[in-house]
Amino acid sequence: MENLELAHHNARKKKTWYKEVKMIDENPEIYLKQLQNMLINHTYKTSEYITFKKKEHGKERIIYKLPYFPDRICQWAILQVIEPYIMRYFTKNTYSAIPGRGIHGCLKDVINAVQKDVPNCQYCLKIDAKKFYPSIDHKILKSIYRRLFKDKELLWLIDEIIDSTSGDIGIPIGNYLSQYSGNIFLTPFDHWIKEEKHIKYYFRYMDDIVIFSSNKEDLHRLRKDIDVYFKSKLNLTMKENWQVFPTYVRGVDFVGYRTFLNYVLLRKSTCKEMKKKMRYLDHKRITGKSLNYSEWCSFNSYKGWLKPCDSYRLAEKYFVPIQQFADTYYQLNIKGKVDKT
C-alpha cells in the first residue's frame, strides 16, 4: 500500500487540476485499496486506450492514452520498484526517458566526444530502427524482462501491460511503461556493441543511434553487422536512410542539435518552427492579446532548447522582446496555483 500511495503522489504531479486526479484525491484510500485487491487477485486488466494522432518533425504517430486510475498509478507503482534494477542493466550511453539522461545529457556527451577526441571521431554512422515502437516483438521483450526479474507476480503484471494492445508486435507510444520497455528492448544490443564490438563512441537516444570512428570503412562494416543483429536477434529493420559521413564537414544532426568541432547549432527544422511560433507570440504582444497556458509552455520549452547551443542572436531577436509578456502571464495565471500546490 505504501508503494501505491507513493505512486499516486508521483503520478499526480503537475496534474492536480485534472478531473480524474481530483476524484482520487477526495478518497485515495478507497481507490488505492481497490487497485491493490485487483493486483493481488489478478483481476487487474489494462483499461481501453484512447488514441490520437500527433505530428512531430514531419512524422505522424499514433499516441495511446490510459486513464489516471487505475493504469497510470499502477505503472508508476511498477517502475518505482524495478527502476533501480533496470538502471543497472542500461549501458552508460543509453538515453531517453531515463532520470538524468535526457536530451541535454546526451548532447553533452556527444559534444565531449566530438570536440575532445578529434582523431577518433572523424566519421559518423547514423542509424535508427524502422517504425520502432510498432515493431517491438512481445515475445522478445518478455524474454528480456525475464532475464532481469524472476518474480512471477511482477512478470504477470508486465505481460498484461505488454499484451494490452492487439497482436504480438508493437507497444503503445504514450504508455509510461513503454518508455522503459523501448530502452530495455535495445539494451542487449547496447551490450553487444560495447562488449563484443568494443565500440568506444556509441550513443543511443531510444532507437536513434550515432557511432564515431577514425575510419569510415570500419563503420560500413559495422553497419552491416548491426543490420544482421537487428533482424536475427530483435526482429527489427534498420531504416533505409542510414548514413556514414565526415563528422566535421557536415556536423552531427542528433537529438535536435547539430554538433560541430567548435560550436553547436539548433536543428534547422526546430529553428524554423521556433521562429514561426515566437513571431506569432510577439504579434499577440504587440496587438494587446493575452497568452494562453499552451503558448506560455511553448515559449519556455523553446527557450530551454536554446540553452545548450550557440544561440545568443536567436535569443536576443526572438525571446528577449517577449520575456516580460510571458512573465506577466505567469504572475497572473500560474504562480498562485503553483505556490498553493
Protein backbone atom coordinates (compact mmCIF):
# COMPACT_ATOMS: atom_id res chain seq x y z
CA MET A 1 0.00 0.00 0.00
CA GLU A 2 2.88 2.39 0.73
CA ASN A 3 4.13 1.87 -2.82
CA LEU A 4 0.68 2.60 -4.28
CA GLU A 5 0.38 5.74 -2.15
CA LEU A 6 3.77 6.92 -3.40
CA ALA A 7 2.76 6.06 -6.99
CA HIS A 8 -0.35 8.23 -6.67
CA HIS A 9 1.75 11.04 -5.18
CA ASN A 10 4.23 10.91 -8.07
CA ALA A 11 1.72 10.32 -10.88
CA ARG A 12 -0.41 13.32 -9.86
CA LYS A 13 2.44 15.87 -10.00
CA LYS A 14 1.52 18.80 -12.27
CA LYS A 15 -1.87 17.17 -12.83
CA THR A 16 -3.66 18.19 -9.64
CA TRP A 17 -6.34 20.11 -11.54
CA TYR A 18 -7.25 17.11 -13.73
CA LYS A 19 -10.81 15.93 -13.09
CA GLU A 20 -9.84 12.27 -12.54
CA VAL A 21 -6.97 13.22 -10.21
CA LYS A 22 -9.33 15.35 -8.10
CA MET A 23 -11.69 12.37 -7.93
CA ILE A 24 -8.96 10.11 -6.48
CA ASP A 25 -7.77 12.86 -4.12
CA GLU A 26 -11.19 13.01 -2.49
CA ASN A 27 -10.80 9.49 -1.12
CA PRO A 28 -7.45 7.91 -2.11
CA GLU A 29 -7.67 5.07 0.44
CA ILE A 30 -10.73 3.54 -1.24
CA TYR A 31 -9.31 3.74 -4.78
CA LEU A 32 -5.82 2.51 -3.84
CA LYS A 33 -7.29 -0.40 -1.85
CA GLN A 34 -9.37 -1.30 -4.89
CA LEU A 35 -6.24 -1.31 -7.08
CA GLN A 36 -4.34 -3.36 -4.51
CA ASN A 37 -7.08 -6.00 -4.50
CA MET A 38 -7.10 -6.13 -8.31
CA LEU A 39 -3.35 -6.78 -8.32
CA ILE A 40 -3.46 -9.39 -5.56
CA ASN A 41 -6.37 -11.27 -7.13
CA HIS A 42 -5.08 -10.93 -10.72
CA THR A 43 -8.26 -9.15 -11.78
CA TYR A 44 -6.37 -6.06 -12.95
CA LYS A 45 -6.70 -5.52 -16.68
CA THR A 46 -5.30 -2.57 -18.61
CA SER A 47 -8.06 -0.12 -19.47
CA GLU A 48 -9.11 0.67 -23.00
CA TYR A 49 -6.78 3.09 -24.74
CA ILE A 50 -7.79 6.45 -26.11
CA THR A 51 -5.79 7.01 -29.31
CA PHE A 52 -4.99 10.15 -31.26
CA LYS A 53 -2.55 11.14 -33.98
CA LYS A 54 0.32 13.50 -33.33
CA LYS A 55 2.55 15.03 -35.98
CA GLU A 56 6.07 15.84 -34.88
CA HIS A 57 9.08 16.71 -37.04
CA GLY A 58 7.25 15.54 -40.15
CA LYS A 59 6.33 12.16 -38.62
CA GLU A 60 2.80 11.15 -37.74
CA ARG A 61 2.47 8.84 -34.76
CA ILE A 62 -0.45 7.20 -33.02
CA ILE A 63 -0.37 8.12 -29.32
CA TYR A 64 -2.07 5.90 -26.75
CA LYS A 65 -3.52 7.33 -23.56
CA LEU A 66 -4.72 5.46 -20.47
CA PRO A 67 -6.89 6.69 -17.56
CA TYR A 68 -5.13 8.03 -14.48
CA PHE A 69 -6.85 5.36 -12.36
CA PRO A 70 -6.01 2.56 -12.22
CA ASP A 71 -3.46 2.47 -15.03
CA ARG A 72 -1.14 5.44 -14.53
CA ILE A 73 -0.90 4.73 -10.81
CA CYS A 74 -0.29 1.03 -11.48
CA GLN A 75 2.54 1.68 -13.94
CA TRP A 76 4.16 4.20 -11.58
CA ALA A 77 3.98 1.58 -8.81
CA ILE A 78 5.77 -0.97 -11.01
CA LEU A 79 8.55 1.38 -12.07
CA GLN A 80 9.21 2.70 -8.56
CA VAL A 81 10.21 -0.85 -7.61
CA ILE A 82 12.02 -2.06 -10.73
CA GLU A 83 13.72 1.14 -11.93
CA PRO A 84 16.93 0.69 -9.84
CA TYR A 85 17.45 -2.78 -11.34
CA ILE A 86 16.74 -1.55 -14.88
CA MET A 87 19.17 1.35 -14.44
CA ARG A 88 21.97 -1.10 -13.62
CA TYR A 89 21.19 -3.02 -16.82
CA PHE A 90 21.46 0.05 -19.07
CA THR A 91 24.81 0.99 -20.54
CA LYS A 92 26.29 4.42 -19.79
CA ASN A 93 25.37 5.92 -23.17
CA THR A 94 21.69 4.95 -23.20
CA TYR A 95 19.41 7.98 -23.04
CA SER A 96 15.71 9.00 -23.32
CA ALA A 97 13.08 8.54 -20.60
CA ILE A 98 15.83 7.88 -18.03
CA PRO A 99 16.20 10.18 -14.99
CA GLY A 100 19.19 12.47 -15.55
CA ARG A 101 19.78 11.17 -19.07
CA GLY A 102 17.59 13.25 -21.35
CA ILE A 103 18.35 15.23 -24.50
CA HIS A 104 20.76 17.66 -22.84
CA GLY A 105 22.70 14.88 -21.09
CA CYS A 106 23.05 13.03 -24.39
CA LEU A 107 24.11 16.17 -26.24
CA LYS A 108 26.73 16.95 -23.58
CA ASP A 109 28.33 13.51 -24.03
CA VAL A 110 28.28 13.79 -27.84
CA ILE A 111 29.92 17.23 -27.66
CA ASN A 112 32.53 15.88 -25.26
CA ALA A 113 33.46 13.10 -27.73
CA VAL A 114 33.38 15.21 -30.92
CA GLN A 115 35.28 18.18 -29.52
CA LYS A 116 37.84 16.38 -27.36
CA ASP A 117 38.82 13.32 -29.42
CA VAL A 118 39.02 14.61 -32.98
CA PRO A 119 41.19 11.77 -34.43
CA ASN A 120 38.73 9.06 -33.32
CA CYS A 121 35.57 10.93 -34.33
CA GLN A 122 36.43 11.73 -37.94
CA TYR A 123 33.46 9.77 -39.30
CA CYS A 124 29.94 9.19 -38.03
CA LEU A 125 27.46 6.35 -38.59
CA LYS A 126 23.86 7.43 -38.04
CA ILE A 127 21.05 4.86 -37.95
CA ASP A 128 17.64 4.19 -36.49
CA ALA A 129 15.05 1.41 -36.50
CA LYS A 130 12.11 1.43 -38.88
CA LYS A 131 8.82 2.04 -37.01
CA PHE A 132 10.49 1.14 -33.73
CA TYR A 133 7.62 1.09 -31.20
CA PRO A 134 5.12 -0.59 -33.57
CA SER A 135 7.77 -3.25 -34.40
CA ILE A 136 8.73 -4.37 -30.89
CA ASP A 137 8.21 -8.14 -30.62
CA HIS A 138 6.28 -9.04 -27.46
CA LYS A 139 7.96 -12.44 -27.09
CA ILE A 140 11.47 -10.96 -27.29
CA LEU A 141 10.58 -8.12 -24.90
CA LYS A 142 9.13 -10.53 -22.35
CA SER A 143 12.25 -12.71 -22.56
CA ILE A 144 14.43 -9.69 -21.77
CA TYR A 145 12.29 -8.83 -18.75
CA ARG A 146 12.68 -12.45 -17.64
CA ARG A 147 16.46 -12.12 -17.71
CA LEU A 148 16.16 -9.26 -15.23
CA PHE A 149 13.33 -10.46 -12.98
CA LYS A 150 12.15 -13.82 -11.66
CA ASP A 151 9.16 -12.73 -9.57
CA LYS A 152 6.06 -14.35 -11.12
CA GLU A 153 3.64 -11.71 -9.81
CA LEU A 154 5.67 -8.91 -11.38
CA LEU A 155 6.07 -10.77 -14.68
CA TRP A 156 2.32 -11.47 -14.85
CA LEU A 157 1.61 -7.75 -14.50
CA ILE A 158 4.25 -6.67 -17.03
CA ASP A 159 2.98 -9.29 -19.51
CA GLU A 160 -0.57 -7.99 -19.06
CA ILE A 161 0.50 -4.46 -19.96
CA ILE A 162 2.69 -5.56 -22.89
CA ASP A 163 -0.21 -7.58 -24.33
CA SER A 164 -2.77 -4.82 -23.76
CA THR A 165 -2.75 -3.96 -27.47
CA SER A 166 -3.88 -6.46 -30.10
CA GLY A 167 -1.33 -8.67 -31.81
CA ASP A 168 2.12 -9.93 -30.84
CA ILE A 169 4.05 -6.97 -32.26
CA GLY A 170 4.16 -3.35 -31.11
CA ILE A 171 3.87 -1.48 -27.82
CA PRO A 172 1.88 1.73 -27.39
CA ILE A 173 3.61 5.12 -27.58
CA GLY A 174 2.43 7.13 -24.60
CA ASN A 175 2.31 4.28 -22.10
CA TYR A 176 4.55 5.10 -19.12
CA LEU A 177 5.97 1.57 -19.06
CA SER A 178 6.57 1.65 -22.84
CA GLN A 179 9.30 4.28 -22.47
CA TYR A 180 11.32 1.88 -20.33
CA SER A 181 10.35 -1.15 -22.39
CA GLY A 182 11.68 0.53 -25.54
CA ASN A 183 15.03 1.11 -23.87
CA ILE A 184 15.13 -2.36 -22.35
CA PHE A 185 14.41 -3.92 -25.75
CA LEU A 186 17.60 -2.43 -27.24
CA THR A 187 19.82 -2.89 -24.18
CA PRO A 188 21.12 -6.36 -25.25
CA PHE A 189 22.18 -4.62 -28.48
CA ASP A 190 23.94 -1.90 -26.43
CA HIS A 191 25.93 -4.55 -24.57
CA TRP A 192 26.78 -6.32 -27.84
CA ILE A 193 28.09 -3.04 -29.31
CA LYS A 194 30.19 -2.22 -26.25
CA GLU A 195 31.36 -5.65 -25.11
CA GLU A 196 31.67 -7.65 -28.34
CA LYS A 197 32.28 -4.94 -30.92
CA HIS A 198 34.29 -2.78 -28.47
CA ILE A 199 32.91 0.50 -29.81
CA LYS A 200 34.06 3.44 -27.72
CA TYR A 201 31.88 6.27 -29.06
CA TYR A 202 28.33 4.95 -29.23
CA PHE A 203 25.27 6.99 -28.26
CA ARG A 204 21.65 5.82 -28.34
CA TYR A 205 18.61 8.00 -27.74
CA MET A 206 15.81 5.39 -27.84
CA ASP A 207 16.24 3.99 -31.40
CA ASP A 208 18.28 6.92 -32.78
CA ILE A 209 21.94 5.93 -32.81
CA VAL A 210 25.23 7.65 -33.67
CA ILE A 211 28.64 5.95 -33.67
CA PHE A 212 32.01 7.62 -34.26
CA SER A 213 35.21 6.19 -35.66
CA SER A 214 38.50 7.21 -37.24
CA ASN A 215 37.79 5.02 -40.26
CA LYS A 216 34.69 5.07 -42.49
CA GLU A 217 35.29 1.53 -43.82
CA ASP A 218 35.00 0.23 -40.24
CA LEU A 219 31.66 1.99 -39.88
CA HIS A 220 30.34 0.50 -43.13
CA ARG A 221 31.29 -3.00 -41.92
CA LEU A 222 29.73 -2.32 -38.53
CA ARG A 223 26.52 -1.09 -40.18
CA LYS A 224 26.17 -4.43 -41.99
CA ASP A 225 26.75 -6.35 -38.73
CA ILE A 226 24.13 -4.21 -36.98
CA ASP A 227 21.66 -4.90 -39.76
CA VAL A 228 22.14 -8.65 -39.25
CA TYR A 229 21.83 -8.30 -35.46
CA PHE A 230 18.62 -6.27 -35.75
CA LYS A 231 16.97 -8.85 -38.00
CA SER A 232 18.19 -12.02 -36.29
CA LYS A 233 18.07 -11.04 -32.61
CA LEU A 234 15.41 -8.32 -32.36
CA ASN A 235 13.17 -8.83 -35.40
CA LEU A 236 13.76 -5.17 -36.31
CA THR A 237 14.55 -3.49 -39.63
CA MET A 238 17.10 -0.72 -39.98
CA LYS A 239 15.68 2.35 -41.69
CA GLU A 240 16.96 2.83 -45.22
CA ASN A 241 18.21 6.39 -44.60
CA TRP A 242 21.31 5.30 -42.64
CA GLN A 243 24.40 7.47 -43.25
CA VAL A 244 28.17 7.36 -42.93
CA PHE A 245 29.65 10.86 -43.28
CA PRO A 246 32.57 13.11 -42.25
CA THR A 247 31.74 14.40 -38.78
CA TYR A 248 33.39 17.81 -39.01
CA VAL A 249 32.26 18.70 -42.53
CA ARG A 250 28.52 18.18 -42.05
CA GLY A 251 28.16 18.27 -38.31
CA VAL A 252 26.23 15.63 -36.37
CA ASP A 253 22.45 16.15 -36.50
CA PHE A 254 21.32 14.34 -33.35
CA VAL A 255 18.81 14.90 -30.51
CA GLY A 256 17.67 18.20 -32.03
CA TYR A 257 21.10 19.83 -32.46
CA ARG A 258 23.92 19.97 -34.99
CA THR A 259 27.29 19.44 -33.32
CA PHE A 260 30.48 20.73 -34.97
CA LEU A 261 34.07 20.97 -33.78
CA ASN A 262 33.82 24.41 -32.18
CA TYR A 263 30.12 25.15 -31.89
CA VAL A 264 26.62 23.67 -31.60
CA LEU A 265 23.54 24.82 -33.53
CA LEU A 266 19.85 24.18 -33.08
CA ARG A 267 18.50 21.77 -35.71
CA LYS A 268 17.25 23.71 -38.76
CA SER A 269 13.69 22.32 -38.70
CA THR A 270 13.35 23.06 -34.96
CA CYS A 271 14.73 26.54 -35.51
CA LYS A 272 12.17 27.25 -38.25
CA GLU A 273 9.30 26.07 -36.06
CA MET A 274 10.62 28.15 -33.15
CA LYS A 275 10.88 31.37 -35.20
CA LYS A 276 7.36 30.92 -36.54
CA LYS A 277 5.96 30.39 -33.05
CA MET A 278 7.83 33.31 -31.49
CA ARG A 279 6.74 35.68 -34.27
CA TYR A 280 3.15 34.65 -33.59
CA LEU A 281 3.54 35.29 -29.84
CA ASP A 282 5.21 38.64 -30.49
CA HIS A 283 2.27 39.61 -32.70
CA LYS A 284 -0.09 38.82 -29.82
CA ARG A 285 2.02 41.02 -27.53
CA ILE A 286 2.01 43.94 -29.98
CA THR A 287 -1.75 43.72 -30.62
CA GLY A 288 -2.58 43.54 -26.92
CA LYS A 289 -3.83 39.95 -26.88
CA SER A 290 -3.04 37.62 -24.00
CA LEU A 291 -1.16 34.33 -23.91
CA ASN A 292 -2.81 31.04 -23.07
CA TYR A 293 -1.23 28.27 -20.99
CA SER A 294 -0.17 26.19 -24.00
CA GLU A 295 1.61 29.19 -25.55
CA TRP A 296 3.37 30.01 -22.28
CA CYS A 297 4.60 26.39 -22.10
CA SER A 298 5.75 26.58 -25.72
CA PHE A 299 7.72 29.77 -25.01
CA ASN A 300 9.57 28.15 -22.12
CA SER A 301 10.10 24.90 -23.97
CA TYR A 302 11.80 26.62 -26.91
CA LYS A 303 13.79 28.79 -24.51
CA GLY A 304 15.08 25.58 -22.92
CA TRP A 305 16.10 24.27 -26.36
CA LEU A 306 18.41 27.27 -26.80
CA LYS A 307 20.39 26.82 -23.58
CA PRO A 308 22.91 24.13 -24.69
CA CYS A 309 23.71 25.64 -28.10
CA ASP A 310 25.27 28.81 -29.54
CA SER A 311 22.12 30.88 -29.68
CA TYR A 312 22.82 34.42 -28.42
CA ARG A 313 21.45 36.14 -31.52
CA LEU A 314 18.36 33.93 -31.68
CA ALA A 315 17.60 34.66 -28.03
CA GLU A 316 18.08 38.41 -28.46
CA LYS A 317 15.88 38.61 -31.53
CA TYR A 318 13.06 36.20 -30.67
CA PHE A 319 12.92 35.78 -26.89
CA VAL A 320 14.04 38.99 -25.19
CA PRO A 321 11.13 41.06 -26.63
CA ILE A 322 8.58 38.51 -25.36
CA GLN A 323 10.11 37.69 -21.96
CA GLN A 324 8.20 40.28 -19.95
CA PHE A 325 4.98 39.32 -21.77
CA ALA A 326 5.49 35.69 -20.68
CA ASP A 327 6.49 36.68 -17.12
CA THR A 328 3.30 38.73 -16.74
CA TYR A 329 1.18 35.73 -17.78
CA TYR A 330 2.99 33.57 -15.21
CA GLN A 331 2.44 36.05 -12.38
CA LEU A 332 -1.26 36.49 -13.16
CA ASN A 333 -2.27 32.94 -14.05
CA ILE A 334 0.17 30.33 -12.75
CA LYS A 335 2.25 31.44 -9.77
CA GLY A 336 -0.63 31.30 -7.28
CA LYS A 337 -1.62 27.79 -8.34
CA VAL A 338 1.97 26.54 -8.15
CA ASP A 339 2.51 28.06 -4.70
CA LYS A 340 -0.76 26.53 -3.48
CA THR A 341 0.20 23.09 -4.83
